[in-house]
Amino acid sequence: MDEVVPRPLVKSEISSEGQVILLKPKFRNPWLRRHLEPRMRHPYYRITLDEIGTAFWQLMDGQTDALKIAEKMEVELGEKIHPTYERLGLFLRMLKNSNFIDW
């Protein structure tokens, strides 16, 4: 995770329970997005993150590297996040492969 600076590629919102909800557009094609999304009731896929994912998403600012974010999360969440680096490495790969983040 060293020198990896994650930055979000999708919009997000906070649920009433305090969890982050990622909003991924249903269409990538610009023409479809421009013409179909305004007519759709739900133009986004809504992915709700758990406590650890929410903490990570809120700490990610596009400038802080993943190692520093992991250290902050370890202080905030303690034993809940152990093994920290393995869990966050897997989470980052999942987000990257799903085009939710880039670095």
PDB file of N, CA and C in Angstrom:
ATOM      1  N   MET A   1       0.818  -1.195   0.000  1.00  0.00           N
ATOM      2  CA  MET A   1       0.000   0.000   0.000  1.00  0.00           C
ATOM      3  C   MET A   1       0.859   1.254   0.000  1.00  0.00           C
ATOM      4  N   ASP A   2       2.154   1.116   0.093  1.00  0.00           N
ATOM      5  CA  ASP A   2       3.045   2.263   0.150  1.00  0.00           C
ATOM      6  C   ASP A   2       2.952   3.099  -1.120  1.00  0.00           C
ATOM      7  N   GLU A   3       2.902   4.408  -0.982  1.00  0.00           N
ATOM      8  CA  GLU A   3       2.877   5.348  -2.091  1.00  0.00           C
ATOM      9  C   GLU A   3       1.619   5.266  -2.940  1.00  0.00           C
ATOM     10  N   VAL A   4       0.606   4.576  -2.504  1.00  0.00           N
ATOM     11  CA  VAL A   4      -0.665   4.512  -3.207  1.00  0.00           C
ATOM     12  C   VAL A   4      -1.573   5.572  -2.606  1.00  0.00           C
ATOM     13  N   VAL A   5      -1.977   6.530  -3.456  1.00  0.00           N
ATOM     14  CA  VAL A   5      -2.870   7.598  -2.996  1.00  0.00           C
ATOM     15  C   VAL A   5      -4.218   7.402  -3.682  1.00  0.00           C
ATOM     16  N   PRO A   6      -5.174   6.805  -2.981  1.00  0.00           N
ATOM     17  CA  PRO A   6      -6.479   6.560  -3.589  1.00  0.00           C
ATOM     18  C   PRO A   6      -7.294   7.849  -3.709  1.00  0.00           C
ATOM     19  N   ARG A   7      -8.064   7.930  -4.812  1.00  0.00           N
ATOM     20  CA  ARG A   7      -8.977   9.048  -4.989  1.00  0.00           C
ATOM     21  C   ARG A   7     -10.296   8.501  -5.509  1.00  0.00           C
ATOM     22  N   PRO A   8     -11.412   9.041  -5.042  1.00  0.00           N
ATOM     23  CA  PRO A   8     -12.717   8.522  -5.445  1.00  0.00           C
ATOM     24  C   PRO A   8     -13.049   8.860  -6.893  1.00  0.00           C
ATOM     25  N   LEU A   9     -13.744   7.940  -7.564  1.00  0.00           N
ATOM     26  CA  LEU A   9     -14.211   8.158  -8.928  1.00  0.00           C
ATOM     27  C   LEU A   9     -15.732   8.262  -9.013  1.00  0.00           C
ATOM     28  N   VAL A  10     -16.409   7.970  -7.909  1.00  0.00           N
ATOM     29  CA  VAL A  10     -17.873   8.019  -7.896  1.00  0.00           C
ATOM     30  C   VAL A  10     -18.343   8.955  -6.787  1.00  0.00           C
ATOM     31  N   LYS A  11     -19.566   9.398  -6.925  1.00  0.00           N
ATOM     32  CA  LYS A  11     -20.179  10.232  -5.885  1.00  0.00           C
ATOM     33  C   LYS A  11     -20.574   9.343  -4.718  1.00  0.00           C
ATOM     34  N   SER A  12     -20.802   9.983  -3.587  1.00  0.00           N
ATOM     35  CA  SER A  12     -21.249   9.237  -2.415  1.00  0.00           C
ATOM     36  C   SER A  12     -22.177  10.113  -1.593  1.00  0.00           C
ATOM     37  N   GLU A  13     -22.913   9.465  -0.711  1.00  0.00           N
ATOM     38  CA  GLU A  13     -23.762  10.179   0.231  1.00  0.00           C
ATOM     39  C   GLU A  13     -23.745   9.417   1.543  1.00  0.00           C
ATOM     40  N   ILE A  14     -24.242  10.055   2.577  1.00  0.00           N
ATOM     41  CA  ILE A  14     -24.272   9.446   3.908  1.00  0.00           C
ATOM     42  C   ILE A  14     -25.713   9.052   4.231  1.00  0.00           C
ATOM     43  N   SER A  15     -25.901   7.809   4.680  1.00  0.00           N
ATOM     44  CA  SER A  15     -27.239   7.335   5.052  1.00  0.00           C
ATOM     45  C   SER A  15     -27.627   7.905   6.410  1.00  0.00           C
ATOM     46  N   SER A  16     -28.870   7.701   6.764  1.00  0.00           N
ATOM     47  CA  SER A  16     -29.352   8.183   8.068  1.00  0.00           C
ATOM     48  C   SER A  16     -28.659   7.452   9.220  1.00  0.00           C
ATOM     49  N   GLU A  17     -28.103   6.257   8.943  1.00  0.00           N
ATOM     50  CA  GLU A  17     -27.369   5.493   9.966  1.00  0.00           C
ATOM     51  C   GLU A  17     -25.900   5.886  10.022  1.00  0.00           C
ATOM     52  N   GLY A  18     -25.473   6.806   9.161  1.00  0.00           N
ATOM     53  CA  GLY A  18     -24.089   7.258   9.162  1.00  0.00           C
ATOM     54  C   GLY A  18     -23.163   6.465   8.256  1.00  0.00           C
ATOM     55  N   GLN A  19     -23.707   5.559   7.446  1.00  0.00           N
ATOM     56  CA  GLN A  19     -22.890   4.770   6.535  1.00  0.00           C
ATOM     57  C   GLN A  19     -22.760   5.484   5.193  1.00  0.00           C
ATOM     58  N   VAL A  20     -21.625   5.279   4.534  1.00  0.00           N
ATOM     59  CA  VAL A  20     -21.409   5.851   3.209  1.00  0.00           C
ATOM     60  C   VAL A  20     -22.109   4.967   2.177  1.00  0.00           C
ATOM     61  N   ILE A  21     -22.800   5.617   1.251  1.00  0.00           N
ATOM     62  CA  ILE A  21     -23.435   4.933   0.135  1.00  0.00           C
ATOM     63  C   ILE A  21     -22.757   5.430  -1.133  1.00  0.00           C
ATOM     64  N   LEU A  22     -22.145   4.507  -1.887  1.00  0.00           N
ATOM     65  CA  LEU A  22     -21.495   4.866  -3.140  1.00  0.00           C
ATOM     66  C   LEU A  22     -22.540   4.894  -4.242  1.00  0.00           C
ATOM     67  N   LEU A  23     -22.461   5.890  -5.104  1.00  0.00           N
ATOM     68  CA  LEU A  23     -23.418   6.056  -6.199  1.00  0.00           C
ATOM     69  C   LEU A  23     -22.695   5.837  -7.523  1.00  0.00           C
ATOM     70  N   LYS A  24     -22.861   4.651  -8.095  1.00  0.00           N
ATOM     71  CA  LYS A  24     -22.206   4.323  -9.360  1.00  0.00           C
ATOM     72  C   LYS A  24     -23.228   4.459 -10.486  1.00  0.00           C
ATOM     73  N   PRO A  25     -22.937   5.270 -11.505  1.00  0.00           N
ATOM     74  CA  PRO A  25     -23.881   5.435 -12.617  1.00  0.00           C
ATOM     75  C   PRO A  25     -24.172   4.100 -13.303  1.00  0.00           C
ATOM     76  N   LYS A  26     -25.421   3.914 -13.724  1.00  0.00           N
ATOM     77  CA  LYS A  26     -25.806   2.680 -14.394  1.00  0.00           C
ATOM     78  C   LYS A  26     -25.280   2.624 -15.823  1.00  0.00           C
ATOM     79  N   PHE A  27     -24.973   3.774 -16.406  1.00  0.00           N
ATOM     80  CA  PHE A  27     -24.481   3.816 -17.783  1.00  0.00           C
ATOM     81  C   PHE A  27     -23.140   4.532 -17.841  1.00  0.00           C
ATOM     82  N   ARG A  28     -22.219   4.002 -18.655  1.00  0.00           N
ATOM     83  CA  ARG A  28     -20.925   4.657 -18.875  1.00  0.00           C
ATOM     84  C   ARG A  28     -20.945   5.495 -20.146  1.00  0.00           C
ATOM     85  N   ASN A  29     -21.706   5.055 -21.113  1.00  0.00           N
ATOM     86  CA  ASN A  29     -21.781   5.746 -22.389  1.00  0.00           C
ATOM     87  C   ASN A  29     -22.350   7.154 -22.193  1.00  0.00           C
ATOM     88  N   PRO A  30     -21.628   8.195 -22.631  1.00  0.00           N
ATOM     89  CA  PRO A  30     -22.105   9.570 -22.425  1.00  0.00           C
ATOM     90  C   PRO A  30     -23.471   9.847 -23.045  1.00  0.00           C
ATOM     91  N   TRP A  31     -23.743   9.271 -24.214  1.00  0.00           N
ATOM     92  CA  TRP A  31     -25.031   9.509 -24.862  1.00  0.00           C
ATOM     93  C   TRP A  31     -26.166   8.916 -24.018  1.00  0.00           C
ATOM     94  N   LEU A  32     -25.973   7.689 -23.557  1.00  0.00           N
ATOM     95  CA  LEU A  32     -26.983   7.048 -22.718  1.00  0.00           C
ATOM     96  C   LEU A  32     -27.182   7.815 -21.414  1.00  0.00           C
ATOM     97  N   ARG A  33     -26.082   8.254 -20.837  1.00  0.00           N
ATOM     98  CA  ARG A  33     -26.180   9.004 -19.579  1.00  0.00           C
ATOM     99  C   ARG A  33     -26.964  10.291 -19.778  1.00  0.00           C
ATOM    100  N   ARG A  34     -26.694  10.973 -20.863  1.00  0.00           N
ATOM    101  CA  ARG A  34     -27.351  12.260 -21.110  1.00  0.00           C
ATOM    102  C   ARG A  34     -28.835  12.082 -21.419  1.00  0.00           C
ATOM    103  N   HIS A  35     -29.188  11.024 -22.148  1.00  0.00           N
ATOM    104  CA  HIS A  35     -30.571  10.874 -22.593  1.00  0.00           C
ATOM    105  C   HIS A  35     -31.446   9.970 -21.723  1.00  0.00           C
ATOM    106  N   LEU A  36     -30.865   8.980 -21.092  1.00  0.00           N
ATOM    107  CA  LEU A  36     -31.669   8.050 -20.301  1.00  0.00           C
ATOM    108  C   LEU A  36     -31.695   8.353 -18.807  1.00  0.00           C
ATOM    109  N   GLU A  37     -30.563   8.778 -18.266  1.00  0.00           N
ATOM    110  CA  GLU A  37     -30.516   9.017 -16.812  1.00  0.00           C
ATOM    111  C   GLU A  37     -31.564  10.008 -16.323  1.00  0.00           C
ATOM    112  N   PRO A  38     -31.798  11.118 -17.025  1.00  0.00           N
ATOM    113  CA  PRO A  38     -32.812  12.051 -16.516  1.00  0.00           C
ATOM    114  C   PRO A  38     -34.214  11.437 -16.439  1.00  0.00           C
ATOM    115  N   ARG A  39     -34.469  10.417 -17.226  1.00  0.00           N
ATOM    116  CA  ARG A  39     -35.792   9.778 -17.242  1.00  0.00           C
ATOM    117  C   ARG A  39     -35.908   8.637 -16.249  1.00  0.00           C
ATOM    118  N   MET A  40     -34.789   8.217 -15.723  1.00  0.00           N
ATOM    119  CA  MET A  40     -34.783   7.075 -14.810  1.00  0.00           C
ATOM    120  C   MET A  40     -35.097   7.516 -13.385  1.00  0.00           C
ATOM    121  N   ARG A  41     -35.816   6.678 -12.702  1.00  0.00           N
ATOM    122  CA  ARG A  41     -36.115   6.949 -11.295  1.00  0.00           C
ATOM    123  C   ARG A  41     -34.868   6.789 -10.434  1.00  0.00           C
ATOM    124  N   HIS A  42     -34.054   5.769 -10.758  1.00  0.00           N
ATOM    125  CA  HIS A  42     -32.830   5.489 -10.013  1.00  0.00           C
ATOM    126  C   HIS A  42     -31.670   5.350 -11.001  1.00  0.00           C
ATOM    127  N   PRO A  43     -30.989   6.437 -11.338  1.00  0.00           N
ATOM    128  CA  PRO A  43     -29.910   6.365 -12.329  1.00  0.00           C
ATOM    129  C   PRO A  43     -28.594   5.793 -11.791  1.00  0.00           C
ATOM    130  N   TYR A  44     -28.530   5.503 -10.490  1.00  0.00           N
ATOM    131  CA  TYR A  44     -27.292   5.013  -9.880  1.00  0.00           C
ATOM    132  C   TYR A  44     -27.518   3.678  -9.190  1.00  0.00           C
ATOM    133  N   TYR A  45     -26.468   2.836  -9.210  1.00  0.00           N
ATOM    134  CA  TYR A  45     -26.419   1.690  -8.314  1.00  0.00           C
ATOM    135  C   TYR A  45     -25.992   2.245  -6.965  1.00  0.00           C
ATOM    136  N   ARG A  46     -26.623   1.789  -5.901  1.00  0.00           N
ATOM    137  CA  ARG A  46     -26.323   2.279  -4.552  1.00  0.00           C
ATOM    138  C   ARG A  46     -25.659   1.151  -3.768  1.00  0.00           C
ATOM    139  N   ILE A  47     -24.400   1.365  -3.383  1.00  0.00           N
ATOM    140  CA  ILE A  47     -23.635   0.360  -2.655  1.00  0.00           C
ATOM    141  C   ILE A  47     -23.344   0.902  -1.258  1.00  0.00           C
ATOM    142  N   THR A  48     -23.884   0.259  -0.244  1.00  0.00           N
ATOM    143  CA  THR A  48     -23.704   0.704   1.137  1.00  0.00           C
ATOM    144  C   THR A  48     -22.465   0.036   1.724  1.00  0.00           C
ATOM    145  N   LEU A  49     -21.573   0.852   2.276  1.00  0.00           N
ATOM    146  CA  LEU A  49     -20.346   0.344   2.886  1.00  0.00           C
ATOM    147  C   LEU A  49     -20.577   0.037   4.362  1.00  0.00           C
ATOM    148  N   ASP A  50     -19.819  -0.925   4.884  1.00  0.00           N
ATOM    149  CA  ASP A  50     -19.893  -1.243   6.304  1.00  0.00           C
ATOM    150  C   ASP A  50     -19.095  -0.206   7.103  1.00  0.00           C
ATOM    151  N   GLU A  51     -18.939  -0.447   8.379  1.00  0.00           N
ATOM    152  CA  GLU A  51     -18.260   0.501   9.265  1.00  0.00           C
ATOM    153  C   GLU A  51     -16.821   0.772   8.821  1.00  0.00           C
ATOM    154  N   ILE A  52     -16.104  -0.264   8.461  1.00  0.00           N
ATOM    155  CA  ILE A  52     -14.701  -0.107   8.057  1.00  0.00           C
ATOM    156  C   ILE A  52     -14.613   0.598   6.709  1.00  0.00           C
ATOM    157  N   GLY A  53     -15.448   0.189   5.757  1.00  0.00           N
ATOM    158  CA  GLY A  53     -15.467   0.843   4.452  1.00  0.00           C
ATOM    159  C   GLY A  53     -15.849   2.305   4.553  1.00  0.00           C
ATOM    160  N   THR A  54     -16.809   2.602   5.417  1.00  0.00           N
ATOM    161  CA  THR A  54     -17.242   3.984   5.631  1.00  0.00           C
ATOM    162  C   THR A  54     -16.101   4.812   6.203  1.00  0.00           C
ATOM    163  N   ALA A  55     -15.397   4.265   7.192  1.00  0.00           N
ATOM    164  CA  ALA A  55     -14.274   4.992   7.794  1.00  0.00           C
ATOM    165  C   ALA A  55     -13.204   5.272   6.749  1.00  0.00           C
ATOM    166  N   PHE A  56     -12.900   4.276   5.913  1.00  0.00           N
ATOM    167  CA  PHE A  56     -11.896   4.466   4.868  1.00  0.00           C
ATOM    168  C   PHE A  56     -12.342   5.542   3.885  1.00  0.00           C
ATOM    169  N   TRP A  57     -13.577   5.449   3.406  1.00  0.00           N
ATOM    170  CA  TRP A  57     -14.072   6.392   2.398  1.00  0.00           C
ATOM    171  C   TRP A  57     -14.034   7.825   2.930  1.00  0.00           C
ATOM    172  N   GLN A  58     -14.365   8.001   4.196  1.00  0.00           N
ATOM    173  CA  GLN A  58     -14.371   9.340   4.776  1.00  0.00           C
ATOM    174  C   GLN A  58     -12.964   9.893   4.975  1.00  0.00           C
ATOM    175  N   LEU A  59     -11.971   9.019   5.156  1.00  0.00           N
ATOM    176  CA  LEU A  59     -10.590   9.470   5.314  1.00  0.00           C
ATOM    177  C   LEU A  59      -9.897   9.704   3.972  1.00  0.00           C
ATOM    178  N   MET A  60     -10.416   9.115   2.920  1.00  0.00           N
ATOM    179  CA  MET A  60      -9.796   9.234   1.600  1.00  0.00           C
ATOM    180  C   MET A  60     -10.085  10.634   1.038  1.00  0.00           C
ATOM    181  N   ASP A  61      -8.996  11.382   0.781  1.00  0.00           N
ATOM    182  CA  ASP A  61      -9.150  12.750   0.288  1.00  0.00           C
ATOM    183  C   ASP A  61      -8.428  12.992  -1.035  1.00  0.00           C
ATOM    184  N   GLY A  62      -7.814  11.950  -1.587  1.00  0.00           N
ATOM    185  CA  GLY A  62      -7.092  12.091  -2.846  1.00  0.00           C
ATOM    186  C   GLY A  62      -5.678  12.623  -2.684  1.00  0.00           C
ATOM    187  N   GLN A  63      -5.265  12.881  -1.439  1.00  0.00           N
ATOM    188  CA  GLN A  63      -3.930  13.400  -1.176  1.00  0.00           C
ATOM    189  C   GLN A  63      -3.156  12.554  -0.166  1.00  0.00           C
ATOM    190  N   THR A  64      -3.879  11.850   0.691  1.00  0.00           N
ATOM    191  CA  THR A  64      -3.254  11.030   1.730  1.00  0.00           C
ATOM    192  C   THR A  64      -3.029   9.618   1.205  1.00  0.00           C
ATOM    193  N   ASP A  65      -1.811   9.079   1.428  1.00  0.00           N
ATOM    194  CA  ASP A  65      -1.550   7.734   0.917  1.00  0.00           C
ATOM    195  C   ASP A  65      -2.244   6.686   1.786  1.00  0.00           C
ATOM    196  N   ALA A  66      -2.416   5.507   1.215  1.00  0.00           N
ATOM    197  CA  ALA A  66      -3.173   4.431   1.852  1.00  0.00           C
ATOM    198  C   ALA A  66      -2.555   3.988   3.177  1.00  0.00           C
ATOM    199  N   LEU A  67      -1.237   4.039   3.282  1.00  0.00           N
ATOM    200  CA  LEU A  67      -0.568   3.639   4.512  1.00  0.00           C
ATOM    201  C   LEU A  67      -0.955   4.562   5.676  1.00  0.00           C
ATOM    202  N   LYS A  68      -0.992   5.857   5.430  1.00  0.00           N
ATOM    203  CA  LYS A  68      -1.391   6.810   6.477  1.00  0.00           C
ATOM    204  C   LYS A  68      -2.865   6.645   6.835  1.00  0.00           C
ATOM    205  N   ILE A  69      -3.691   6.370   5.830  1.00  0.00           N
ATOM    206  CA  ILE A  69      -5.113   6.130   6.108  1.00  0.00           C
ATOM    207  C   ILE A  69      -5.257   4.890   6.974  1.00  0.00           C
ATOM    208  N   ALA A  70      -4.505   3.828   6.667  1.00  0.00           N
ATOM    209  CA  ALA A  70      -4.546   2.590   7.453  1.00  0.00           C
ATOM    210  C   ALA A  70      -4.147   2.857   8.896  1.00  0.00           C
ATOM    211  N   GLU A  71      -3.115   3.664   9.098  1.00  0.00           N
ATOM    212  CA  GLU A  71      -2.668   3.981  10.459  1.00  0.00           C
ATOM    213  C   GLU A  71      -3.751   4.740  11.223  1.00  0.00           C
ATOM    214  N   LYS A  72      -4.410   5.701  10.573  1.00  0.00           N
ATOM    215  CA  LYS A  72      -5.493   6.448  11.224  1.00  0.00           C
ATOM    216  C   LYS A  72      -6.652   5.524  11.577  1.00  0.00           C
ATOM    217  N   MET A  73      -6.970   4.608  10.667  1.00  0.00           N
ATOM    218  CA  MET A  73      -8.077   3.686  10.912  1.00  0.00           C
ATOM    219  C   MET A  73      -7.758   2.731  12.056  1.00  0.00           C
ATOM    220  N   GLU A  74      -6.502   2.328  12.165  1.00  0.00           N
ATOM    221  CA  GLU A  74      -6.101   1.433  13.252  1.00  0.00           C
ATOM    222  C   GLU A  74      -6.288   2.123  14.600  1.00  0.00           C
ATOM    223  N   VAL A  75      -5.999   3.425  14.654  1.00  0.00           N
ATOM    224  CA  VAL A  75      -6.191   4.184  15.884  1.00  0.00           C
ATOM    225  C   VAL A  75      -7.683   4.322  16.185  1.00  0.00           C
ATOM    226  N   GLU A  76      -8.489   4.631  15.151  1.00  0.00           N
ATOM    227  CA  GLU A  76      -9.927   4.842  15.333  1.00  0.00           C
ATOM    228  C   GLU A  76     -10.682   3.559  15.678  1.00  0.00           C
ATOM    229  N   LEU A  77     -10.382   2.469  14.952  1.00  0.00           N
ATOM    230  CA  LEU A  77     -11.187   1.255  15.065  1.00  0.00           C
ATOM    231  C   LEU A  77     -10.559   0.159  15.922  1.00  0.00           C
ATOM    232  N   GLY A  78      -9.279   0.259  16.201  1.00  0.00           N
ATOM    233  CA  GLY A  78      -8.610  -0.711  17.057  1.00  0.00           C
ATOM    234  C   GLY A  78      -8.675  -2.131  16.534  1.00  0.00           C
ATOM    235  N   GLU A  79      -9.111  -3.062  17.381  1.00  0.00           N
ATOM    236  CA  GLU A  79      -9.134  -4.486  17.062  1.00  0.00           C
ATOM    237  C   GLU A  79     -10.123  -4.846  15.957  1.00  0.00           C
ATOM    238  N   LYS A  80     -11.128  -4.001  15.713  1.00  0.00           N
ATOM    239  CA  LYS A  80     -12.136  -4.301  14.695  1.00  0.00           C
ATOM    240  C   LYS A  80     -11.533  -4.468  13.309  1.00  0.00           C
ATOM    241  N   ILE A  81     -10.424  -3.817  13.059  1.00  0.00           N
ATOM    242  CA  ILE A  81      -9.858  -3.785  11.713  1.00  0.00           C
ATOM    243  C   ILE A  81      -8.708  -4.766  11.508  1.00  0.00           C
ATOM    244  N   HIS A  82      -8.292  -5.456  12.533  1.00  0.00           N
ATOM    245  CA  HIS A  82      -7.148  -6.369  12.409  1.00  0.00           C
ATOM    246  C   HIS A  82      -7.485  -7.591  11.579  1.00  0.00           C
ATOM    247  N   PRO A  83      -6.609  -8.067  10.729  1.00  0.00           N
ATOM    248  CA  PRO A  83      -5.315  -7.553  10.308  1.00  0.00           C
ATOM    249  C   PRO A  83      -5.485  -6.366   9.345  1.00  0.00           C
ATOM    250  N   THR A  84      -5.053  -5.214   9.762  1.00  0.00           N
ATOM    251  CA  THR A  84      -5.311  -3.947   9.090  1.00  0.00           C
ATOM    252  C   THR A  84      -4.863  -3.917   7.641  1.00  0.00           C
ATOM    253  N   TYR A  85      -3.598  -4.164   7.390  1.00  0.00           N
ATOM    254  CA  TYR A  85      -3.052  -3.974   6.045  1.00  0.00           C
ATOM    255  C   TYR A  85      -3.600  -4.989   5.048  1.00  0.00           C
ATOM    256  N   GLU A  86      -3.824  -6.211   5.490  1.00  0.00           N
ATOM    257  CA  GLU A  86      -4.385  -7.224   4.607  1.00  0.00           C
ATOM    258  C   GLU A  86      -5.825  -6.866   4.227  1.00  0.00           C
ATOM    259  N   ARG A  87      -6.607  -6.445   5.217  1.00  0.00           N
ATOM    260  CA  ARG A  87      -8.005  -6.086   4.953  1.00  0.00           C
ATOM    261  C   ARG A  87      -8.111  -4.885   4.033  1.00  0.00           C
ATOM    262  N   LEU A  88      -7.318  -3.860   4.320  1.00  0.00           N
ATOM    263  CA  LEU A  88      -7.393  -2.665   3.484  1.00  0.00           C
ATOM    264  C   LEU A  88      -6.829  -2.904   2.093  1.00  0.00           C
ATOM    265  N   GLY A  89      -5.809  -3.741   1.977  1.00  0.00           N
ATOM    266  CA  GLY A  89      -5.276  -4.087   0.660  1.00  0.00           C
ATOM    267  C   GLY A  89      -6.337  -4.754  -0.200  1.00  0.00           C
ATOM    268  N   LEU A  90      -7.047  -5.705   0.384  1.00  0.00           N
ATOM    269  CA  LEU A  90      -8.119  -6.389  -0.332  1.00  0.00           C
ATOM    270  C   LEU A  90      -9.243  -5.411  -0.681  1.00  0.00           C
ATOM    271  N   PHE A  91      -9.610  -4.557   0.260  1.00  0.00           N
ATOM    272  CA  PHE A  91     -10.671  -3.570   0.037  1.00  0.00           C
ATOM    273  C   PHE A  91     -10.283  -2.606  -1.085  1.00  0.00           C
ATOM    274  N   LEU A  92      -9.040  -2.134  -1.081  1.00  0.00           N
ATOM    275  CA  LEU A  92      -8.577  -1.231  -2.140  1.00  0.00           C
ATOM    276  C   LEU A  92      -8.614  -1.903  -3.509  1.00  0.00           C
ATOM    277  N   ARG A  93      -8.191  -3.157  -3.572  1.00  0.00           N
ATOM    278  CA  ARG A  93      -8.236  -3.881  -4.858  1.00  0.00           C
ATOM    279  C   ARG A  93      -9.669  -4.023  -5.350  1.00  0.00           C
ATOM    280  N   MET A  94     -10.586  -4.324  -4.438  1.00  0.00           N
ATOM    281  CA  MET A  94     -11.995  -4.461  -4.822  1.00  0.00           C
ATOM    282  C   MET A  94     -12.546  -3.137  -5.345  1.00  0.00           C
ATOM    283  N   LEU A  95     -12.240  -2.039  -4.653  1.00  0.00           N
ATOM    284  CA  LEU A  95     -12.706  -0.731  -5.099  1.00  0.00           C
ATOM    285  C   LEU A  95     -12.109  -0.353  -6.448  1.00  0.00           C
ATOM    286  N   LYS A  96     -10.822  -0.637  -6.630  1.00  0.00           N
ATOM    287  CA  LYS A  96     -10.139  -0.316  -7.889  1.00  0.00           C
ATOM    288  C   LYS A  96     -10.711  -1.149  -9.039  1.00  0.00           C
ATOM    289  N   ASN A  97     -10.890  -2.448  -8.828  1.00  0.00           N
ATOM    290  CA  ASN A  97     -11.418  -3.330  -9.868  1.00  0.00           C
ATOM    291  C   ASN A  97     -12.857  -2.987 -10.250  1.00  0.00           C
ATOM    292  N   SER A  98     -13.600  -2.400  -9.334  1.00  0.00           N
ATOM    293  CA  SER A  98     -14.991  -2.002  -9.592  1.00  0.00           C
ATOM    294  C   SER A  98     -15.109  -0.568 -10.091  1.00  0.00           C
ATOM    295  N   ASN A  99     -13.960   0.081 -10.293  1.00  0.00           N
ATOM    296  CA  ASN A  99     -13.910   1.475 -10.778  1.00  0.00           C
ATOM    297  C   ASN A  99     -14.585   2.465  -9.827  1.00  0.00           C
ATOM    298  N   PHE A 100     -14.438   2.230  -8.524  1.00  0.00           N
ATOM    299  CA  PHE A 100     -14.904   3.185  -7.534  1.00  0.00           C
ATOM    300  C   PHE A 100     -13.793   4.163  -7.154  1.00  0.00           C
ATOM    301  N   ILE A 101     -12.536   3.707  -7.277  1.00  0.00           N
ATOM    302  CA  ILE A 101     -11.380   4.554  -6.955  1.00  0.00           C
ATOM    303  C   ILE A 101     -10.317   4.407  -8.036  1.00  0.00           C
ATOM    304  N   ASP A 102      -9.366   5.293  -7.985  1.00  0.00           N
ATOM    305  CA  ASP A 102      -8.178   5.223  -8.839  1.00  0.00           C
ATOM    306  C   ASP A 102      -7.015   5.725  -7.990  1.00  0.00           C
ATOM    307  N   TRP A 103      -5.792   5.532  -8.467  1.00  0.00           N
ATOM    308  CA  TRP A 103      -4.630   6.092  -7.779  1.00  0.00           C
ATOM    309  C   TRP A 103      -3.644   6.616  -8.767  1.00  0.00           C
TER     310      TRP A 103
END
